Amino acid sequence: MDSSLAVWLVVAISLAAANLPFLTERVFGFIPLKPKTAGDGTVPPPLRTKSLPLRLLELIVLYFVVGFLARMLESRIGGVFAQNWEFYAVTGCLFLVLAFPGFVLRYLRKRRA
């Protein structure tokens, strides 16, 4: 695999993974949440949404999954470079920036009544 292709593949996967927690109500895109029941046993639809802390936890886990995938691709191309804390600080901030469109769609977009 060409190194340029590997870089763009990691960027595309990062963009998709960073927005996944905000675009779906399933955990990691495929695990459905258990519905919360009201006092009378019924399940109203608005109570099936993920909370913000769960979305952020999912975002952190996906950051490490994408990082592991990027490290595997880097090892297939050649030698793996050592990373210090600065690398993880920059890539973590970049991952948060890539998650901004999904955050805007979920929390900041005005919904029509």
N, C-alpha and C. Protein backbone atom coordinates (compact mmCIF):
# COMPACT_ATOMS: atom_id res chain seq x y z
N MET A 1 0.85 -1.17 0.00
CA MET A 1 0.00 0.00 0.00
C MET A 1 0.90 1.24 0.00
N ASP A 2 0.56 2.18 -0.81
CA ASP A 2 1.30 3.43 -0.89
C ASP A 2 1.09 4.25 0.39
N SER A 3 2.11 4.98 0.82
CA SER A 3 2.00 5.75 2.06
C SER A 3 0.98 6.88 1.94
N SER A 4 0.87 7.48 0.76
CA SER A 4 -0.11 8.55 0.56
C SER A 4 -1.54 8.00 0.67
N LEU A 5 -1.76 6.83 0.11
CA LEU A 5 -3.08 6.21 0.21
C LEU A 5 -3.40 5.86 1.66
N ALA A 6 -2.40 5.38 2.40
CA ALA A 6 -2.62 5.02 3.80
C ALA A 6 -2.98 6.25 4.63
N VAL A 7 -2.34 7.38 4.35
CA VAL A 7 -2.64 8.60 5.08
C VAL A 7 -4.07 9.04 4.82
N TRP A 8 -4.50 9.05 3.57
CA TRP A 8 -5.86 9.47 3.25
C TRP A 8 -6.90 8.48 3.78
N LEU A 9 -6.53 7.21 3.82
CA LEU A 9 -7.42 6.21 4.40
C LEU A 9 -7.63 6.46 5.89
N VAL A 10 -6.56 6.77 6.59
CA VAL A 10 -6.66 7.06 8.03
C VAL A 10 -7.48 8.33 8.26
N VAL A 11 -7.29 9.35 7.43
CA VAL A 11 -8.06 10.59 7.58
C VAL A 11 -9.54 10.32 7.34
N ALA A 12 -9.88 9.56 6.32
CA ALA A 12 -11.28 9.25 6.02
C ALA A 12 -11.92 8.42 7.14
N ILE A 13 -11.20 7.43 7.64
CA ILE A 13 -11.73 6.61 8.74
C ILE A 13 -11.87 7.45 10.01
N SER A 14 -10.93 8.37 10.24
CA SER A 14 -11.02 9.25 11.40
C SER A 14 -12.24 10.15 11.32
N LEU A 15 -12.50 10.68 10.16
CA LEU A 15 -13.67 11.55 9.97
C LEU A 15 -14.96 10.78 10.23
N ALA A 16 -15.05 9.59 9.70
CA ALA A 16 -16.25 8.77 9.91
C ALA A 16 -16.39 8.35 11.38
N ALA A 17 -15.29 7.94 12.00
CA ALA A 17 -15.34 7.48 13.39
C ALA A 17 -15.62 8.62 14.35
N ALA A 18 -15.11 9.81 14.06
CA ALA A 18 -15.33 10.95 14.96
C ALA A 18 -16.79 11.40 14.93
N ASN A 19 -17.47 11.25 13.82
CA ASN A 19 -18.86 11.68 13.71
C ASN A 19 -19.86 10.58 14.07
N LEU A 20 -19.41 9.35 14.12
CA LEU A 20 -20.32 8.22 14.39
C LEU A 20 -21.10 8.36 15.70
N PRO A 21 -20.50 8.75 16.82
CA PRO A 21 -21.29 8.84 18.05
C PRO A 21 -22.42 9.85 17.99
N PHE A 22 -22.29 10.87 17.16
CA PHE A 22 -23.30 11.92 17.11
C PHE A 22 -24.37 11.66 16.04
N LEU A 23 -24.11 10.76 15.12
CA LEU A 23 -25.04 10.55 14.02
C LEU A 23 -25.97 9.36 14.23
N THR A 24 -25.72 8.54 15.20
CA THR A 24 -26.55 7.37 15.42
C THR A 24 -26.88 7.22 16.90
N GLU A 25 -27.98 6.57 17.19
CA GLU A 25 -28.39 6.33 18.57
C GLU A 25 -27.92 4.97 19.06
N ARG A 26 -27.19 4.25 18.25
CA ARG A 26 -26.64 2.96 18.65
C ARG A 26 -25.20 3.15 19.10
N VAL A 27 -24.78 2.38 20.08
CA VAL A 27 -23.42 2.46 20.58
C VAL A 27 -22.49 1.81 19.56
N PHE A 28 -21.46 2.54 19.15
CA PHE A 28 -20.50 2.13 18.13
C PHE A 28 -21.16 1.80 16.80
N GLY A 29 -22.35 2.30 16.59
CA GLY A 29 -23.03 2.15 15.32
C GLY A 29 -23.83 0.87 15.16
N PHE A 30 -23.69 -0.10 16.07
CA PHE A 30 -24.43 -1.35 15.87
C PHE A 30 -25.01 -1.95 17.15
N ILE A 31 -24.74 -1.43 18.34
CA ILE A 31 -25.28 -1.98 19.58
C ILE A 31 -26.47 -1.11 20.00
N PRO A 32 -27.69 -1.63 19.94
CA PRO A 32 -28.84 -0.81 20.32
C PRO A 32 -28.90 -0.62 21.83
N LEU A 33 -29.39 0.53 22.24
CA LEU A 33 -29.56 0.81 23.66
C LEU A 33 -30.83 0.15 24.17
N LYS A 34 -30.82 -0.21 25.44
CA LYS A 34 -32.04 -0.72 26.05
C LYS A 34 -32.95 0.46 26.33
N PRO A 35 -34.21 0.36 25.93
CA PRO A 35 -35.11 1.51 26.15
C PRO A 35 -35.40 1.72 27.63
N LYS A 36 -35.46 2.98 28.02
CA LYS A 36 -35.86 3.33 29.38
C LYS A 36 -37.38 3.33 29.44
N THR A 37 -37.91 2.75 30.48
CA THR A 37 -39.37 2.70 30.59
C THR A 37 -39.86 3.80 31.51
N ALA A 38 -41.05 4.27 31.23
CA ALA A 38 -41.68 5.26 32.09
C ALA A 38 -42.29 4.53 33.29
N GLY A 39 -42.90 5.26 34.17
CA GLY A 39 -43.47 4.67 35.39
C GLY A 39 -44.57 3.66 35.11
N ASP A 40 -45.31 3.82 34.00
CA ASP A 40 -46.40 2.90 33.70
C ASP A 40 -45.97 1.75 32.80
N GLY A 41 -44.67 1.63 32.50
CA GLY A 41 -44.17 0.53 31.70
C GLY A 41 -44.10 0.81 30.22
N THR A 42 -44.60 1.95 29.78
CA THR A 42 -44.53 2.27 28.35
C THR A 42 -43.16 2.83 28.00
N VAL A 43 -42.84 2.79 26.74
CA VAL A 43 -41.54 3.27 26.26
C VAL A 43 -41.77 4.43 25.31
N PRO A 44 -41.68 5.66 25.81
CA PRO A 44 -41.81 6.79 24.89
C PRO A 44 -40.55 6.93 24.03
N PRO A 45 -40.69 7.27 22.76
CA PRO A 45 -39.54 7.33 21.86
C PRO A 45 -38.42 8.28 22.27
N PRO A 46 -38.69 9.46 22.87
CA PRO A 46 -37.57 10.35 23.18
C PRO A 46 -36.62 9.83 24.26
N LEU A 47 -37.00 8.81 25.02
CA LEU A 47 -36.15 8.31 26.09
C LEU A 47 -35.13 7.29 25.60
N ARG A 48 -35.03 7.05 24.30
CA ARG A 48 -34.08 6.09 23.77
C ARG A 48 -32.80 6.74 23.25
N THR A 49 -32.56 7.99 23.58
CA THR A 49 -31.38 8.67 23.07
C THR A 49 -30.18 8.44 23.98
N LYS A 50 -29.00 8.49 23.37
CA LYS A 50 -27.76 8.36 24.13
C LYS A 50 -27.49 9.67 24.85
N SER A 51 -26.89 9.58 25.99
CA SER A 51 -26.52 10.78 26.73
C SER A 51 -25.18 11.31 26.21
N LEU A 52 -24.90 12.57 26.51
CA LEU A 52 -23.64 13.17 26.08
C LEU A 52 -22.42 12.47 26.68
N PRO A 53 -22.41 12.09 27.97
CA PRO A 53 -21.24 11.36 28.48
C PRO A 53 -20.99 10.03 27.76
N LEU A 54 -22.05 9.34 27.39
CA LEU A 54 -21.88 8.10 26.64
C LEU A 54 -21.30 8.38 25.25
N ARG A 55 -21.75 9.44 24.61
CA ARG A 55 -21.21 9.82 23.30
C ARG A 55 -19.73 10.18 23.41
N LEU A 56 -19.35 10.91 24.47
CA LEU A 56 -17.94 11.28 24.65
C LEU A 56 -17.08 10.06 24.95
N LEU A 57 -17.59 9.13 25.75
CA LEU A 57 -16.86 7.89 26.01
C LEU A 57 -16.66 7.09 24.72
N GLU A 58 -17.70 7.04 23.92
CA GLU A 58 -17.62 6.36 22.63
C GLU A 58 -16.59 7.05 21.72
N LEU A 59 -16.54 8.37 21.77
CA LEU A 59 -15.57 9.14 20.98
C LEU A 59 -14.14 8.82 21.40
N ILE A 60 -13.90 8.69 22.70
CA ILE A 60 -12.56 8.36 23.20
C ILE A 60 -12.16 6.96 22.77
N VAL A 61 -13.08 6.01 22.88
CA VAL A 61 -12.77 4.64 22.46
C VAL A 61 -12.48 4.58 20.97
N LEU A 62 -13.27 5.29 20.17
CA LEU A 62 -13.03 5.30 18.72
C LEU A 62 -11.72 5.98 18.37
N TYR A 63 -11.29 6.97 19.15
CA TYR A 63 -9.98 7.60 18.94
C TYR A 63 -8.87 6.56 19.06
N PHE A 64 -8.93 5.73 20.09
CA PHE A 64 -7.90 4.71 20.26
C PHE A 64 -8.00 3.60 19.22
N VAL A 65 -9.20 3.28 18.76
CA VAL A 65 -9.35 2.27 17.70
C VAL A 65 -8.72 2.78 16.40
N VAL A 66 -9.00 4.04 16.06
CA VAL A 66 -8.41 4.62 14.84
C VAL A 66 -6.90 4.73 14.99
N GLY A 67 -6.42 5.08 16.18
CA GLY A 67 -4.98 5.15 16.43
C GLY A 67 -4.31 3.80 16.27
N PHE A 68 -4.97 2.74 16.75
CA PHE A 68 -4.42 1.40 16.57
C PHE A 68 -4.38 1.01 15.10
N LEU A 69 -5.43 1.35 14.36
CA LEU A 69 -5.46 1.07 12.92
C LEU A 69 -4.36 1.84 12.19
N ALA A 70 -4.17 3.10 12.56
CA ALA A 70 -3.11 3.91 11.93
C ALA A 70 -1.74 3.34 12.24
N ARG A 71 -1.54 2.87 13.46
CA ARG A 71 -0.24 2.28 13.82
C ARG A 71 0.00 0.98 13.04
N MET A 72 -1.04 0.20 12.83
CA MET A 72 -0.89 -1.03 12.03
C MET A 72 -0.53 -0.70 10.59
N LEU A 73 -1.20 0.31 10.01
CA LEU A 73 -0.87 0.71 8.64
C LEU A 73 0.56 1.24 8.55
N GLU A 74 0.98 1.99 9.57
CA GLU A 74 2.34 2.53 9.58
C GLU A 74 3.37 1.41 9.67
N SER A 75 3.08 0.38 10.42
CA SER A 75 4.02 -0.74 10.54
C SER A 75 4.11 -1.55 9.25
N ARG A 76 3.03 -1.58 8.47
CA ARG A 76 3.07 -2.30 7.19
C ARG A 76 3.88 -1.54 6.15
N ILE A 77 3.89 -0.19 6.25
CA ILE A 77 4.62 0.63 5.29
C ILE A 77 6.11 0.61 5.58
N GLY A 78 6.46 0.68 6.84
CA GLY A 78 7.87 0.73 7.22
C GLY A 78 8.00 0.74 8.73
N GLY A 79 9.02 1.41 9.22
CA GLY A 79 9.25 1.48 10.65
C GLY A 79 8.23 2.37 11.34
N VAL A 80 7.91 2.00 12.58
CA VAL A 80 6.96 2.76 13.37
C VAL A 80 7.75 3.80 14.18
N PHE A 81 7.36 5.05 14.07
CA PHE A 81 8.03 6.12 14.79
C PHE A 81 7.51 6.18 16.23
N ALA A 82 8.39 6.56 17.14
CA ALA A 82 8.00 6.71 18.54
C ALA A 82 7.21 8.01 18.70
N GLN A 83 6.15 7.95 19.48
CA GLN A 83 5.33 9.14 19.73
C GLN A 83 5.40 9.51 21.20
N ASN A 84 5.52 10.80 21.45
CA ASN A 84 5.49 11.32 22.81
C ASN A 84 4.12 11.89 23.10
N TRP A 85 3.96 12.53 24.25
CA TRP A 85 2.67 13.05 24.66
C TRP A 85 2.17 14.12 23.70
N GLU A 86 3.09 14.85 23.05
CA GLU A 86 2.69 15.90 22.13
C GLU A 86 1.90 15.35 20.95
N PHE A 87 2.32 14.18 20.47
CA PHE A 87 1.62 13.53 19.35
C PHE A 87 0.19 13.22 19.73
N TYR A 88 -0.01 12.67 20.92
CA TYR A 88 -1.36 12.29 21.35
C TYR A 88 -2.22 13.52 21.64
N ALA A 89 -1.61 14.60 22.13
CA ALA A 89 -2.37 15.84 22.36
C ALA A 89 -2.85 16.42 21.04
N VAL A 90 -1.99 16.44 20.04
CA VAL A 90 -2.36 17.01 18.74
C VAL A 90 -3.40 16.14 18.04
N THR A 91 -3.19 14.82 18.02
CA THR A 91 -4.15 13.96 17.33
C THR A 91 -5.49 13.91 18.07
N GLY A 92 -5.48 14.02 19.39
CA GLY A 92 -6.74 14.08 20.13
C GLY A 92 -7.52 15.34 19.79
N CYS A 93 -6.83 16.47 19.73
CA CYS A 93 -7.50 17.72 19.34
C CYS A 93 -8.00 17.65 17.90
N LEU A 94 -7.22 17.05 17.02
CA LEU A 94 -7.64 16.90 15.63
C LEU A 94 -8.88 16.01 15.54
N PHE A 95 -8.93 14.97 16.35
CA PHE A 95 -10.09 14.08 16.36
C PHE A 95 -11.33 14.83 16.84
N LEU A 96 -11.16 15.71 17.83
CA LEU A 96 -12.29 16.52 18.30
C LEU A 96 -12.75 17.50 17.23
N VAL A 97 -11.81 18.07 16.49
CA VAL A 97 -12.18 18.99 15.40
C VAL A 97 -12.94 18.23 14.31
N LEU A 98 -12.52 17.01 14.02
CA LEU A 98 -13.22 16.21 13.01
C LEU A 98 -14.62 15.82 13.48
N ALA A 99 -14.85 15.78 14.80
CA ALA A 99 -16.17 15.43 15.33
C ALA A 99 -17.12 16.62 15.35
N PHE A 100 -16.65 17.81 15.05
CA PHE A 100 -17.48 19.01 15.15
C PHE A 100 -18.72 18.98 14.25
N PRO A 101 -18.65 18.52 12.99
CA PRO A 101 -19.88 18.50 12.19
C PRO A 101 -20.99 17.63 12.80
N GLY A 102 -20.63 16.48 13.34
CA GLY A 102 -21.63 15.63 13.98
C GLY A 102 -22.20 16.26 15.24
N PHE A 103 -21.35 16.95 16.00
CA PHE A 103 -21.82 17.64 17.21
C PHE A 103 -22.80 18.75 16.85
N VAL A 104 -22.49 19.49 15.79
CA VAL A 104 -23.38 20.57 15.35
C VAL A 104 -24.72 20.00 14.90
N LEU A 105 -24.69 18.92 14.14
CA LEU A 105 -25.95 18.32 13.68
C LEU A 105 -26.78 17.80 14.85
N ARG A 106 -26.14 17.28 15.87
CA ARG A 106 -26.87 16.69 17.00
C ARG A 106 -27.38 17.75 17.98
N TYR A 107 -26.54 18.72 18.34
CA TYR A 107 -26.89 19.60 19.45
C TYR A 107 -27.12 21.06 19.08
N LEU A 108 -26.55 21.56 18.02
CA LEU A 108 -26.65 22.98 17.73
C LEU A 108 -27.61 23.34 16.60
N ARG A 109 -28.00 22.38 15.80
CA ARG A 109 -28.92 22.64 14.70
C ARG A 109 -30.31 22.90 15.23
N LYS A 110 -30.95 23.90 14.68
CA LYS A 110 -32.30 24.25 15.10
C LYS A 110 -33.29 23.28 14.46
N ARG A 111 -34.09 22.65 15.27
CA ARG A 111 -35.07 21.68 14.77
C ARG A 111 -36.38 22.37 14.47
N ARG A 112 -36.98 21.96 13.40
CA ARG A 112 -38.30 22.53 13.05
C ARG A 112 -39.38 21.81 13.83
N ALA A 113 -40.34 22.57 14.29
CA ALA A 113 -41.41 21.98 15.10
C ALA A 113 -42.50 21.37 14.26
